[in-house]
Protein backbone atom coordinates (compact mmCIF):
# COMPACT_ATOMS: atom_id res chain seq x y z
CA MET A 1 -20.43 -8.54 3.58
CA SER A 2 -20.55 -5.20 3.99
CA LEU A 3 -19.02 -2.62 1.18
CA ILE A 4 -16.74 -1.30 4.85
CA LYS A 5 -15.86 -5.22 5.81
CA ALA A 6 -15.14 -6.33 2.04
CA HIS A 7 -12.81 -2.93 1.98
CA HIS A 8 -10.63 -4.16 5.05
CA ASN A 9 -10.35 -7.26 3.98
CA TYR A 10 -9.03 -6.23 0.82
CA ARG A 11 -5.87 -4.06 2.52
CA LYS A 12 -5.38 -7.06 5.21
CA ALA A 13 -4.81 -9.38 2.44
CA VAL A 14 -3.12 -7.22 -0.58
CA LEU A 15 -0.61 -6.76 1.89
CA PRO A 16 1.46 -10.32 1.88
CA HIS A 17 1.63 -9.78 -2.21
CA LEU A 18 3.58 -6.15 -1.87
CA GLU A 19 5.41 -7.54 0.35
CA ALA A 20 7.32 -10.44 -2.07
CA LEU A 21 7.26 -7.56 -4.42
CA LEU A 22 9.68 -5.05 -1.87
CA SER A 23 10.99 -8.61 -0.52
CA SER A 24 12.69 -10.05 -4.90
CA GLY A 25 14.30 -6.36 -4.32
CA GLU A 26 13.54 -5.80 -8.02
CA PHE A 27 9.74 -3.59 -8.09
CA ASN A 28 9.39 -0.07 -6.82
CA VAL A 29 6.49 0.38 -5.76
CA ILE A 30 3.69 3.25 -5.21
CA LEU A 31 0.84 2.84 -3.53
CA ARG A 32 -2.08 5.26 -4.52
CA PRO A 33 -5.05 5.08 -1.93
CA HIS A 34 -8.53 6.19 -2.77
CA PRO A 35 -8.56 10.12 -1.96
CA ARG A 36 -11.00 9.63 1.26
CA GLU A 37 -8.72 6.82 2.88
CA ARG A 38 -6.79 7.56 6.03
CA LEU A 39 -2.74 7.01 5.03
CA ASP A 40 -2.51 5.51 8.86
CA PHE A 41 -2.58 1.60 7.61
CA TYR A 42 -0.71 1.27 5.05
CA HIS A 43 1.59 3.89 7.14
CA SER A 44 2.07 1.80 9.82
CA TRP A 45 2.27 -1.40 8.04
CA MET A 46 5.50 0.23 6.88
CA ALA A 47 6.55 1.24 8.96
CA LYS A 48 7.47 -2.16 10.33
CA LEU A 49 9.40 -3.44 6.97
CA ASP A 50 13.12 -2.65 6.91
CA ASP A 51 15.00 -0.77 5.45
CA ARG A 52 15.72 -2.25 2.34
CA GLN A 53 11.86 -2.05 0.92
CA LYS A 54 11.10 1.16 2.58
CA LYS A 55 13.00 2.70 -0.44
CA LEU A 56 11.56 0.79 -2.74
CA ILE A 57 7.71 1.66 -1.92
CA ARG A 58 6.03 4.91 -1.34
CA ILE A 59 2.88 6.98 -0.82
CA ASP A 60 1.56 8.67 -2.88
CA ALA A 61 -1.52 10.30 -2.21
CA ASP A 62 -1.37 13.20 -4.09
CA THR A 63 -2.17 11.85 -7.62
CA ASN A 64 -5.65 11.97 -9.45
CA ILE A 65 -5.29 8.81 -11.11
CA THR A 66 -8.17 9.33 -13.13
CA SER A 67 -5.63 10.65 -15.82
CA LEU A 68 -2.95 7.66 -15.67
């Protein structure tokens, strides 16, 4: 399997886990994608969430995670 295909498979596989976190209502989720990753995949997915879930998630594409 190519690295690109593996990456796309992972993105699809992680969404149900994120949805479970959001559905619980107990967690705030901050997505920090790779700096060169296109955000439209996540924006499209987030647009389908209900209003309560949308309040619990945000994308932080600007923070450099190496300092975390």
